[in-house]
Amino acid sequence: MEFIARAKFARFSYRKVGQVLGLIRGKPVLDAMGMLPWVPRACRVLVGKTLKSAISNAGKTADPARFKVSQAWVNFGPTLKRVMPKAMGARAMFKRKTSHLTIIVSDN
C-alpha cells in the first residue's frame, strides 16, 4: 500500500530540493532518515518532516522499517518577485523560488 505526503509552497529552490530527494529515492525509510542529518542542504529539514508525515499517514501501528521511499519528486511553485534597492535610487528585481514536493512510501 502507498502513503503520500506533500509539502506545498516551500521556500526552497526546486533544484536544491530535487538534489536531496534524489539521494533518498528508492531507499528504505530508516536509511533515508539516517542519511538526512548529514546532507549539507537547508531543505533537509523540510524533506525529513515530509517523510515523517508520509510514514505517519500509514497509521500509528505501522512499522517504519518495512517501508521504502518508492517515489519522490519536486515541482515548481509560484515565484515571489522582490525588489532590492540599488545605487542612485534604482532598483533590481530578484525572484524567490518556491517548490511543491511529494513523497510516496510503500510497503513492498
N, C-alpha and C. Protein backbone atom coordinates (compact mmCIF):
# COMPACT_ATOMS: atom_id res chain seq x y z
N MET A 1 0.84 -1.17 0.00
CA MET A 1 0.00 0.00 0.00
C MET A 1 0.89 1.24 0.00
N GLU A 2 0.42 2.28 -0.63
CA GLU A 2 1.20 3.51 -0.74
C GLU A 2 0.59 4.61 0.13
N PHE A 3 1.48 5.42 0.69
CA PHE A 3 1.06 6.54 1.52
C PHE A 3 1.79 7.79 1.04
N ILE A 4 1.05 8.89 0.91
CA ILE A 4 1.55 10.10 0.26
C ILE A 4 1.61 11.24 1.26
N ALA A 5 2.63 12.06 1.13
CA ALA A 5 2.73 13.31 1.89
C ALA A 5 3.22 14.39 0.94
N ARG A 6 2.65 15.58 1.06
CA ARG A 6 3.02 16.70 0.19
C ARG A 6 3.38 17.91 1.05
N ALA A 7 4.34 18.66 0.58
CA ALA A 7 4.67 19.95 1.18
C ALA A 7 4.57 20.98 0.05
N LYS A 8 3.67 21.91 0.20
CA LYS A 8 3.45 22.89 -0.86
C LYS A 8 3.95 24.26 -0.44
N PHE A 9 4.33 25.04 -1.41
CA PHE A 9 4.80 26.42 -1.24
C PHE A 9 6.02 26.49 -0.32
N ALA A 10 6.91 25.52 -0.45
CA ALA A 10 8.14 25.52 0.35
C ALA A 10 9.08 26.59 -0.20
N ARG A 11 9.72 27.35 0.68
CA ARG A 11 10.57 28.46 0.27
C ARG A 11 11.99 27.98 -0.05
N PHE A 12 12.09 26.96 -0.86
CA PHE A 12 13.37 26.44 -1.32
C PHE A 12 13.32 26.29 -2.82
N SER A 13 14.44 26.42 -3.47
CA SER A 13 14.51 26.25 -4.91
C SER A 13 14.25 24.78 -5.27
N TYR A 14 13.57 24.56 -6.36
CA TYR A 14 13.22 23.20 -6.77
C TYR A 14 14.46 22.38 -7.08
N ARG A 15 15.52 23.01 -7.58
CA ARG A 15 16.74 22.26 -7.91
C ARG A 15 17.42 21.74 -6.65
N LYS A 16 17.45 22.53 -5.61
CA LYS A 16 18.11 22.11 -4.38
C LYS A 16 17.31 21.02 -3.66
N VAL A 17 15.99 21.15 -3.67
CA VAL A 17 15.15 20.11 -3.08
C VAL A 17 15.26 18.83 -3.89
N GLY A 18 15.34 18.96 -5.21
CA GLY A 18 15.47 17.79 -6.07
C GLY A 18 16.75 17.02 -5.83
N GLN A 19 17.82 17.71 -5.47
CA GLN A 19 19.07 17.03 -5.16
C GLN A 19 18.93 16.16 -3.91
N VAL A 20 18.24 16.67 -2.91
CA VAL A 20 18.05 15.90 -1.67
C VAL A 20 17.10 14.73 -1.91
N LEU A 21 16.04 14.96 -2.67
CA LEU A 21 15.10 13.88 -2.96
C LEU A 21 15.76 12.79 -3.79
N GLY A 22 16.70 13.16 -4.64
CA GLY A 22 17.42 12.16 -5.42
C GLY A 22 18.26 11.23 -4.55
N LEU A 23 18.71 11.73 -3.42
CA LEU A 23 19.51 10.89 -2.51
C LEU A 23 18.67 9.84 -1.80
N ILE A 24 17.42 10.18 -1.46
CA ILE A 24 16.60 9.25 -0.68
C ILE A 24 15.66 8.39 -1.53
N ARG A 25 15.51 8.71 -2.79
CA ARG A 25 14.57 7.99 -3.65
C ARG A 25 15.00 6.53 -3.79
N GLY A 26 14.07 5.61 -3.52
CA GLY A 26 14.32 4.18 -3.67
C GLY A 26 14.96 3.52 -2.46
N LYS A 27 15.28 4.26 -1.43
CA LYS A 27 15.94 3.71 -0.25
C LYS A 27 14.90 3.32 0.82
N PRO A 28 15.25 2.40 1.71
CA PRO A 28 14.38 2.13 2.86
C PRO A 28 14.25 3.38 3.72
N VAL A 29 13.12 3.51 4.38
CA VAL A 29 12.82 4.74 5.13
C VAL A 29 13.83 4.98 6.25
N LEU A 30 14.23 3.94 6.95
CA LEU A 30 15.19 4.12 8.03
C LEU A 30 16.55 4.59 7.51
N ASP A 31 16.96 4.08 6.36
CA ASP A 31 18.22 4.54 5.76
C ASP A 31 18.11 6.00 5.33
N ALA A 32 16.97 6.35 4.76
CA ALA A 32 16.77 7.74 4.31
C ALA A 32 16.74 8.69 5.49
N MET A 33 16.09 8.30 6.58
CA MET A 33 16.04 9.16 7.77
C MET A 33 17.42 9.30 8.40
N GLY A 34 18.22 8.25 8.36
CA GLY A 34 19.57 8.32 8.90
C GLY A 34 20.52 9.13 8.04
N MET A 35 20.23 9.23 6.77
CA MET A 35 21.08 9.96 5.84
C MET A 35 20.82 11.47 5.89
N LEU A 36 19.59 11.87 6.13
CA LEU A 36 19.22 13.29 6.03
C LEU A 36 19.99 14.24 6.95
N PRO A 37 20.32 13.88 8.19
CA PRO A 37 21.07 14.84 9.02
C PRO A 37 22.45 15.19 8.47
N TRP A 38 22.98 14.38 7.58
CA TRP A 38 24.33 14.59 7.06
C TRP A 38 24.33 15.28 5.70
N VAL A 39 23.16 15.59 5.17
CA VAL A 39 23.08 16.26 3.88
C VAL A 39 23.33 17.76 4.08
N PRO A 40 24.25 18.36 3.33
CA PRO A 40 24.58 19.78 3.54
C PRO A 40 23.64 20.73 2.81
N ARG A 41 22.35 20.59 2.99
CA ARG A 41 21.35 21.47 2.40
C ARG A 41 20.35 21.85 3.49
N ALA A 42 19.89 23.08 3.46
CA ALA A 42 18.93 23.54 4.46
C ALA A 42 17.58 22.87 4.29
N CYS A 43 17.25 22.45 3.08
CA CYS A 43 15.93 21.85 2.84
C CYS A 43 15.83 20.43 3.39
N ARG A 44 16.90 19.89 3.96
CA ARG A 44 16.84 18.54 4.52
C ARG A 44 15.83 18.45 5.64
N VAL A 45 15.61 19.55 6.36
CA VAL A 45 14.63 19.56 7.45
C VAL A 45 13.22 19.39 6.89
N LEU A 46 12.92 20.11 5.83
CA LEU A 46 11.60 20.01 5.19
C LEU A 46 11.39 18.61 4.61
N VAL A 47 12.40 18.06 3.97
CA VAL A 47 12.28 16.72 3.39
C VAL A 47 12.07 15.70 4.51
N GLY A 48 12.77 15.85 5.63
CA GLY A 48 12.59 14.94 6.75
C GLY A 48 11.19 15.01 7.35
N LYS A 49 10.66 16.23 7.48
CA LYS A 49 9.30 16.38 8.01
C LYS A 49 8.28 15.76 7.06
N THR A 50 8.47 15.94 5.78
CA THR A 50 7.53 15.37 4.81
C THR A 50 7.62 13.85 4.80
N LEU A 51 8.82 13.32 4.94
CA LEU A 51 8.99 11.86 5.01
C LEU A 51 8.33 11.29 6.26
N LYS A 52 8.49 11.97 7.40
CA LYS A 52 7.82 11.54 8.63
C LYS A 52 6.31 11.60 8.49
N SER A 53 5.82 12.61 7.78
CA SER A 53 4.38 12.73 7.56
C SER A 53 3.86 11.58 6.71
N ALA A 54 4.62 11.19 5.71
CA ALA A 54 4.19 10.07 4.86
C ALA A 54 4.14 8.78 5.67
N ILE A 55 5.09 8.59 6.57
CA ILE A 55 5.08 7.39 7.41
C ILE A 55 3.90 7.43 8.38
N SER A 56 3.64 8.61 8.96
CA SER A 56 2.53 8.70 9.91
C SER A 56 1.18 8.57 9.23
N ASN A 57 1.12 8.84 7.93
CA ASN A 57 -0.13 8.61 7.21
C ASN A 57 -0.48 7.13 7.12
N ALA A 58 0.50 6.27 7.37
CA ALA A 58 0.24 4.83 7.37
C ALA A 58 -0.49 4.39 8.63
N GLY A 59 -0.44 5.18 9.68
CA GLY A 59 -1.12 4.84 10.93
C GLY A 59 -0.13 4.68 12.06
N LYS A 60 -0.65 4.66 13.28
CA LYS A 60 0.21 4.58 14.46
C LYS A 60 0.91 3.24 14.60
N THR A 61 0.26 2.17 14.16
CA THR A 61 0.84 0.85 14.36
C THR A 61 1.79 0.44 13.26
N ALA A 62 1.96 1.27 12.25
CA ALA A 62 2.83 0.92 11.13
C ALA A 62 4.29 0.97 11.56
N ASP A 63 5.05 -0.03 11.13
CA ASP A 63 6.47 -0.11 11.44
C ASP A 63 7.26 0.56 10.32
N PRO A 64 8.03 1.61 10.62
CA PRO A 64 8.77 2.31 9.56
C PRO A 64 9.83 1.44 8.88
N ALA A 65 10.24 0.37 9.54
CA ALA A 65 11.30 -0.47 8.97
C ALA A 65 10.83 -1.22 7.71
N ARG A 66 9.55 -1.39 7.55
CA ARG A 66 9.08 -2.15 6.39
C ARG A 66 8.73 -1.27 5.19
N PHE A 67 8.89 0.03 5.32
CA PHE A 67 8.57 0.94 4.22
C PHE A 67 9.82 1.37 3.47
N LYS A 68 9.62 1.73 2.22
CA LYS A 68 10.69 2.34 1.43
C LYS A 68 10.14 3.53 0.67
N VAL A 69 11.02 4.45 0.31
CA VAL A 69 10.62 5.64 -0.44
C VAL A 69 10.49 5.20 -1.90
N SER A 70 9.26 4.95 -2.34
CA SER A 70 9.08 4.44 -3.69
C SER A 70 9.17 5.56 -4.73
N GLN A 71 8.62 6.73 -4.41
CA GLN A 71 8.69 7.86 -5.34
C GLN A 71 8.90 9.14 -4.54
N ALA A 72 9.64 10.05 -5.13
CA ALA A 72 9.84 11.37 -4.53
C ALA A 72 10.15 12.34 -5.66
N TRP A 73 9.38 13.41 -5.74
CA TRP A 73 9.63 14.39 -6.79
C TRP A 73 9.29 15.79 -6.30
N VAL A 74 9.73 16.77 -7.06
CA VAL A 74 9.51 18.17 -6.73
C VAL A 74 9.04 18.88 -7.98
N ASN A 75 8.13 19.82 -7.81
CA ASN A 75 7.61 20.64 -8.91
C ASN A 75 7.84 22.11 -8.61
N PHE A 76 7.72 22.93 -9.64
CA PHE A 76 7.83 24.37 -9.46
C PHE A 76 6.68 24.88 -8.61
N GLY A 77 6.95 25.86 -7.79
CA GLY A 77 5.92 26.59 -7.09
C GLY A 77 5.86 28.00 -7.67
N PRO A 78 5.00 28.84 -7.17
CA PRO A 78 4.95 30.21 -7.66
C PRO A 78 6.22 30.97 -7.28
N THR A 79 6.65 31.84 -8.15
CA THR A 79 7.84 32.64 -7.89
C THR A 79 7.42 33.97 -7.27
N LEU A 80 8.06 34.32 -6.15
CA LEU A 80 7.77 35.57 -5.48
C LEU A 80 8.73 36.63 -6.00
N LYS A 81 8.19 37.70 -6.53
CA LYS A 81 9.03 38.76 -7.08
C LYS A 81 9.31 39.80 -6.00
N ARG A 82 10.58 40.12 -5.82
CA ARG A 82 11.00 41.06 -4.79
C ARG A 82 11.89 42.13 -5.40
N VAL A 83 12.05 43.25 -4.66
CA VAL A 83 12.84 44.39 -5.14
C VAL A 83 13.98 44.65 -4.17
N MET A 84 15.17 44.88 -4.71
CA MET A 84 16.33 45.24 -3.91
C MET A 84 16.79 46.64 -4.29
N PRO A 85 16.97 47.54 -3.31
CA PRO A 85 17.44 48.89 -3.65
C PRO A 85 18.86 48.87 -4.21
N LYS A 86 19.10 49.73 -5.18
CA LYS A 86 20.42 49.86 -5.80
C LYS A 86 20.87 51.31 -5.71
N ALA A 87 21.99 51.61 -6.32
CA ALA A 87 22.57 52.94 -6.25
C ALA A 87 21.71 53.97 -6.98
N MET A 88 21.74 55.20 -6.51
CA MET A 88 21.07 56.36 -7.11
C MET A 88 19.56 56.14 -7.27
N GLY A 89 18.95 55.49 -6.30
CA GLY A 89 17.50 55.34 -6.30
C GLY A 89 16.97 54.29 -7.25
N ALA A 90 17.84 53.54 -7.87
CA ALA A 90 17.39 52.50 -8.80
C ALA A 90 16.96 51.26 -8.00
N ARG A 91 16.44 50.29 -8.69
CA ARG A 91 16.03 49.06 -8.04
C ARG A 91 16.40 47.87 -8.92
N ALA A 92 16.49 46.73 -8.31
CA ALA A 92 16.78 45.49 -9.03
C ALA A 92 15.76 44.46 -8.60
N MET A 93 15.17 43.80 -9.56
CA MET A 93 14.20 42.75 -9.27
C MET A 93 14.95 41.43 -9.06
N PHE A 94 14.50 40.66 -8.08
CA PHE A 94 15.01 39.30 -7.93
C PHE A 94 13.85 38.40 -7.55
N LYS A 95 14.05 37.12 -7.73
CA LYS A 95 12.97 36.16 -7.56
C LYS A 95 13.28 35.20 -6.43
N ARG A 96 12.29 34.98 -5.59
CA ARG A 96 12.39 33.96 -4.54
C ARG A 96 11.61 32.75 -5.05
N LYS A 97 12.32 31.68 -5.25
CA LYS A 97 11.69 30.50 -5.83
C LYS A 97 11.03 29.66 -4.74
N THR A 98 9.93 29.02 -5.09
CA THR A 98 9.25 28.10 -4.19
C THR A 98 9.06 26.77 -4.91
N SER A 99 8.68 25.76 -4.16
CA SER A 99 8.53 24.43 -4.74
C SER A 99 7.44 23.65 -4.01
N HIS A 100 6.93 22.64 -4.69
CA HIS A 100 5.98 21.69 -4.13
C HIS A 100 6.65 20.31 -4.18
N LEU A 101 6.77 19.64 -3.04
CA LEU A 101 7.39 18.33 -3.08
C LEU A 101 6.42 17.26 -2.62
N THR A 102 6.58 16.08 -3.19
CA THR A 102 5.71 14.93 -2.90
C THR A 102 6.58 13.72 -2.63
N ILE A 103 6.27 13.02 -1.55
CA ILE A 103 6.98 11.80 -1.20
C ILE A 103 5.95 10.68 -1.03
N ILE A 104 6.21 9.55 -1.67
CA ILE A 104 5.34 8.37 -1.58
C ILE A 104 6.15 7.23 -0.99
N VAL A 105 5.67 6.68 0.10
CA VAL A 105 6.30 5.49 0.69
C VAL A 105 5.39 4.30 0.47
N SER A 106 5.99 3.14 0.24
CA SER A 106 5.21 1.92 0.02
C SER A 106 5.80 0.80 0.87
N ASP A 107 5.01 -0.22 1.09
CA ASP A 107 5.43 -1.31 1.97
C ASP A 107 5.96 -2.53 1.22
N ASN A 108 6.25 -2.41 -0.06
CA ASN A 108 6.77 -3.57 -0.78
C ASN A 108 8.22 -3.42 -1.07
